[in-house]
């Protein structure tokens, strides 16, 4: 399987796994609350890819998606969420927020897992993570 296809499939499977785990360990939230928190949290990190709309004129939404899935492995733009600093912030915040707001902590946990997955995927596919330490503008 091509790396970009595996990337897309795993970005769907990981939230599903987290949702199933939430069913086992979290009783305080309804099914809909879990679903919303996990799936928004899992896909929200990629909102920073919208920065490319400022620099590149895409002919269609499909072309934009293909660009982000296939071509964005070098992280050439300023991606506010895709960096080590943001991962560290989330690693600190998630356990703290868990005591105050379970919904938000589940959303941020899904967000964090997405970023960690992206980081390790880049380490394996690109064999580098140097672009994760740089915040480029």
C-alpha atoms as a PDB file:
ATOM      1  CA  UNK A   1       0.000   0.000   0.000  1.00  0.00           C
ATOM      2  CA  UNK A   2       1.275   3.444  -0.882  1.00  0.00           C
ATOM      3  CA  UNK A   3       2.311   5.507   2.163  1.00  0.00           C
ATOM      4  CA  UNK A   4      -0.251   8.265   1.514  1.00  0.00           C
ATOM      5  CA  UNK A   5      -3.079   5.703   1.328  1.00  0.00           C
ATOM      6  CA  UNK A   6      -1.924   4.102   4.569  1.00  0.00           C
ATOM      7  CA  UNK A   7      -1.818   7.583   6.097  1.00  0.00           C
ATOM      8  CA  UNK A   8      -5.436   8.250   5.095  1.00  0.00           C
ATOM      9  CA  UNK A   9      -6.682   4.857   6.311  1.00  0.00           C
ATOM     10  CA  UNK A  10      -4.912   5.129   9.660  1.00  0.00           C
ATOM     11  CA  UNK A  11      -6.283   8.641  10.197  1.00  0.00           C
ATOM     12  CA  UNK A  12      -9.696   7.031  10.088  1.00  0.00           C
ATOM     13  CA  UNK A  13      -8.886   3.864  12.061  1.00  0.00           C
ATOM     14  CA  UNK A  14      -7.177   5.585  14.994  1.00  0.00           C
ATOM     15  CA  UNK A  15     -10.286   7.620  15.993  1.00  0.00           C
ATOM     16  CA  UNK A  16     -12.403   4.467  15.691  1.00  0.00           C
ATOM     17  CA  UNK A  17     -10.056   2.631  18.070  1.00  0.00           C
ATOM     18  CA  UNK A  18     -10.106   5.565  20.488  1.00  0.00           C
ATOM     19  CA  UNK A  19     -13.910   5.612  20.323  1.00  0.00           C
ATOM     20  CA  UNK A  20     -14.100   1.905  21.181  1.00  0.00           C
ATOM     21  CA  UNK A  21     -11.660   2.393  24.065  1.00  0.00           C
ATOM     22  CA  UNK A  22     -13.764   5.290  25.339  1.00  0.00           C
ATOM     23  CA  UNK A  23     -16.758   2.963  25.458  1.00  0.00           C
ATOM     24  CA  UNK A  24     -14.828   0.682  27.791  1.00  0.00           C
ATOM     25  CA  UNK A  25     -13.334   3.298  30.116  1.00  0.00           C
ATOM     26  CA  UNK A  26     -15.510   6.434  30.103  1.00  0.00           C
ATOM     27  CA  UNK A  27     -19.047   6.230  31.381  1.00  0.00           C
ATOM     28  CA  UNK A  28     -19.664   9.934  32.004  1.00  0.00           C
ATOM     29  CA  UNK A  29     -20.181  10.923  28.364  1.00  0.00           C
ATOM     30  CA  UNK A  30     -22.974   9.952  25.999  1.00  0.00           C
ATOM     31  CA  UNK A  31     -22.227   8.154  22.736  1.00  0.00           C
ATOM     32  CA  UNK A  32     -22.790  11.365  20.773  1.00  0.00           C
ATOM     33  CA  UNK A  33     -20.485  13.373  23.035  1.00  0.00           C
ATOM     34  CA  UNK A  34     -17.736  10.763  22.618  1.00  0.00           C
ATOM     35  CA  UNK A  35     -18.244  10.655  18.863  1.00  0.00           C
ATOM     36  CA  UNK A  36     -18.106  14.438  18.507  1.00  0.00           C
ATOM     37  CA  UNK A  37     -15.091  14.868  20.807  1.00  0.00           C
ATOM     38  CA  UNK A  38     -13.030  12.108  19.202  1.00  0.00           C
ATOM     39  CA  UNK A  39     -13.787  12.764  15.573  1.00  0.00           C
ATOM     40  CA  UNK A  40     -13.437  16.544  15.802  1.00  0.00           C
ATOM     41  CA  UNK A  41     -10.270  16.113  17.838  1.00  0.00           C
ATOM     42  CA  UNK A  42      -8.863  13.601  15.380  1.00  0.00           C
ATOM     43  CA  UNK A  43      -9.403  15.742  12.297  1.00  0.00           C
ATOM     44  CA  UNK A  44      -8.938  19.249  13.736  1.00  0.00           C
ATOM     45  CA  UNK A  45      -5.103  19.074  13.700  1.00  0.00           C
ATOM     46  CA  UNK A  46      -5.144  19.112   9.917  1.00  0.00           C
ATOM     47  CA  UNK A  47      -6.971  22.428   9.795  1.00  0.00           C
ATOM     48  CA  UNK A  48      -3.557  24.069   9.729  1.00  0.00           C
ATOM     49  CA  UNK A  49      -3.170  22.700   6.196  1.00  0.00           C
ATOM     50  CA  UNK A  50      -5.604  25.402   5.072  1.00  0.00           C
ATOM     51  CA  UNK A  51      -2.612  27.764   5.028  1.00  0.00           C
ATOM     52  CA  UNK A  52      -1.792  26.316   1.618  1.00  0.00           C
ATOM     53  CA  UNK A  53      -4.937  27.899   0.209  1.00  0.00           C
ATOM     54  CA  UNK A  54      -3.203  31.237   0.697  1.00  0.00           C
ATOM     55  CA  UNK A  55      -0.205  30.250  -1.451  1.00  0.00           C
ATOM     56  CA  UNK A  56      -1.490  27.749  -4.011  1.00  0.00           C
ATOM     57  CA  UNK A  57      -4.480  28.052  -6.330  1.00  0.00           C
ATOM     58  CA  UNK A  58      -6.196  24.673  -6.487  1.00  0.00           C
ATOM     59  CA  UNK A  59      -8.608  23.842  -9.285  1.00  0.00           C
ATOM     60  CA  UNK A  60     -10.827  21.769  -7.017  1.00  0.00           C
ATOM     61  CA  UNK A  61     -11.286  20.576  -3.465  1.00  0.00           C
ATOM     62  CA  UNK A  62     -10.126  17.120  -4.585  1.00  0.00           C
ATOM     63  CA  UNK A  63      -6.842  18.588  -5.853  1.00  0.00           C
ATOM     64  CA  UNK A  64      -6.375  20.327  -2.488  1.00  0.00           C
ATOM     65  CA  UNK A  65      -6.971  17.028  -0.628  1.00  0.00           C
ATOM     66  CA  UNK A  66      -4.590  15.096  -2.862  1.00  0.00           C
ATOM     67  CA  UNK A  67      -1.936  17.784  -2.356  1.00  0.00           C
ATOM     68  CA  UNK A  68      -2.267  17.568   1.417  1.00  0.00           C
ATOM     69  CA  UNK A  69      -2.230  13.785   1.499  1.00  0.00           C
ATOM     70  CA  UNK A  70       0.542  13.176  -1.039  1.00  0.00           C
ATOM     71  CA  UNK A  71       2.712  16.282  -1.154  1.00  0.00           C
ATOM     72  CA  UNK A  72       2.652  17.731   2.325  1.00  0.00           C
ATOM     73  CA  UNK A  73       5.082  15.281   3.850  1.00  0.00           C
ATOM     74  CA  UNK A  74       7.833  17.905   4.055  1.00  0.00           C
ATOM     75  CA  UNK A  75       5.723  20.384   6.036  1.00  0.00           C
ATOM     76  CA  UNK A  76       6.883  23.349   3.982  1.00  0.00           C
ATOM     77  CA  UNK A  77       4.484  25.882   5.436  1.00  0.00           C
ATOM     78  CA  UNK A  78       3.734  27.268   8.821  1.00  0.00           C
ATOM     79  CA  UNK A  79       1.693  24.483  10.361  1.00  0.00           C
ATOM     80  CA  UNK A  80       0.867  25.683  13.830  1.00  0.00           C
ATOM     81  CA  UNK A  81      -0.160  22.280  15.181  1.00  0.00           C
ATOM     82  CA  UNK A  82       2.390  20.017  13.487  1.00  0.00           C
ATOM     83  CA  UNK A  83       5.403  20.685  15.672  1.00  0.00           C
ATOM     84  CA  UNK A  84       7.018  19.224  18.771  1.00  0.00           C
ATOM     85  CA  UNK A  85       6.133  22.260  20.890  1.00  0.00           C
ATOM     86  CA  UNK A  86       2.413  21.803  20.384  1.00  0.00           C
ATOM     87  CA  UNK A  87       2.683  18.090  21.203  1.00  0.00           C
ATOM     88  CA  UNK A  88       4.437  18.942  24.472  1.00  0.00           C
ATOM     89  CA  UNK A  89       1.747  21.492  25.340  1.00  0.00           C
ATOM     90  CA  UNK A  90      -0.949  18.886  24.761  1.00  0.00           C
ATOM     91  CA  UNK A  91       0.933  16.259  26.771  1.00  0.00           C
ATOM     92  CA  UNK A  92       0.826  18.666  29.705  1.00  0.00           C
ATOM     93  CA  UNK A  93      -2.745  19.921  29.202  1.00  0.00           C
ATOM     94  CA  UNK A  94      -4.634  16.665  28.594  1.00  0.00           C
ATOM     95  CA  UNK A  95      -4.130  15.161  32.078  1.00  0.00           C
ATOM     96  CA  UNK A  96      -4.888  18.495  33.763  1.00  0.00           C
ATOM     97  CA  UNK A  97      -8.050  19.168  31.754  1.00  0.00           C
ATOM     98  CA  UNK A  98      -9.237  15.604  32.384  1.00  0.00           C
ATOM     99  CA  UNK A  99     -10.074  16.619  35.959  1.00  0.00           C
ATOM    100  CA  UNK A 100     -12.214  19.556  34.853  1.00  0.00           C
ATOM    101  CA  UNK A 101     -13.797  18.667  31.511  1.00  0.00           C
ATOM    102  CA  UNK A 102     -13.899  15.104  30.221  1.00  0.00           C
ATOM    103  CA  UNK A 103     -15.306  16.099  26.826  1.00  0.00           C
ATOM    104  CA  UNK A 104     -12.511  18.592  26.155  1.00  0.00           C
ATOM    105  CA  UNK A 105      -9.847  16.209  27.422  1.00  0.00           C
ATOM    106  CA  UNK A 106     -11.107  13.479  25.066  1.00  0.00           C
ATOM    107  CA  UNK A 107     -11.082  15.952  22.171  1.00  0.00           C
ATOM    108  CA  UNK A 108      -7.520  17.029  23.021  1.00  0.00           C
ATOM    109  CA  UNK A 109      -6.429  13.403  23.466  1.00  0.00           C
ATOM    110  CA  UNK A 110      -7.657  12.585  19.953  1.00  0.00           C
ATOM    111  CA  UNK A 111      -5.846  15.720  18.729  1.00  0.00           C
ATOM    112  CA  UNK A 112      -2.652  14.603  20.489  1.00  0.00           C
ATOM    113  CA  UNK A 113      -2.816  11.039  19.169  1.00  0.00           C
ATOM    114  CA  UNK A 114      -3.245  12.383  15.651  1.00  0.00           C
ATOM    115  CA  UNK A 115      -0.127  14.541  15.982  1.00  0.00           C
ATOM    116  CA  UNK A 116       1.932  11.756  17.552  1.00  0.00           C
ATOM    117  CA  UNK A 117       0.871   9.426  14.751  1.00  0.00           C
ATOM    118  CA  UNK A 118       1.877  12.033  12.147  1.00  0.00           C
ATOM    119  CA  UNK A 119       5.239  12.493  13.862  1.00  0.00           C
ATOM    120  CA  UNK A 120       6.080   8.782  13.900  1.00  0.00           C
ATOM    121  CA  UNK A 121       4.756   8.342  10.391  1.00  0.00           C
ATOM    122  CA  UNK A 122       7.163  11.037   9.196  1.00  0.00           C
ATOM    123  CA  UNK A 123      10.002   9.369  11.108  1.00  0.00           C
ATOM    124  CA  UNK A 124       9.278   6.065   9.330  1.00  0.00           C
ATOM    125  CA  UNK A 125       8.313   7.283   5.841  1.00  0.00           C
ATOM    126  CA  UNK A 126      10.607  10.306   5.525  1.00  0.00           C
ATOM    127  CA  UNK A 127      13.183   8.932   7.946  1.00  0.00           C
ATOM    128  CA  UNK A 128      13.404  12.398   9.490  1.00  0.00           C
ATOM    129  CA  UNK A 129      11.577  14.594  11.954  1.00  0.00           C
ATOM    130  CA  UNK A 130      13.674  17.735  11.571  1.00  0.00           C
ATOM    131  CA  UNK A 131      10.696  19.679  10.174  1.00  0.00           C
ATOM    132  CA  UNK A 132       8.795  18.964  13.424  1.00  0.00           C
ATOM    133  CA  UNK A 133      11.288  20.974  15.451  1.00  0.00           C
ATOM    134  CA  UNK A 134      11.036  24.007  13.219  1.00  0.00           C
ATOM    135  CA  UNK A 135       8.160  26.421  13.160  1.00  0.00           C
ATOM    136  CA  UNK A 136       8.425  27.918   9.706  1.00  0.00           C
ATOM    137  CA  UNK A 137       6.678  31.036   8.532  1.00  0.00           C
END
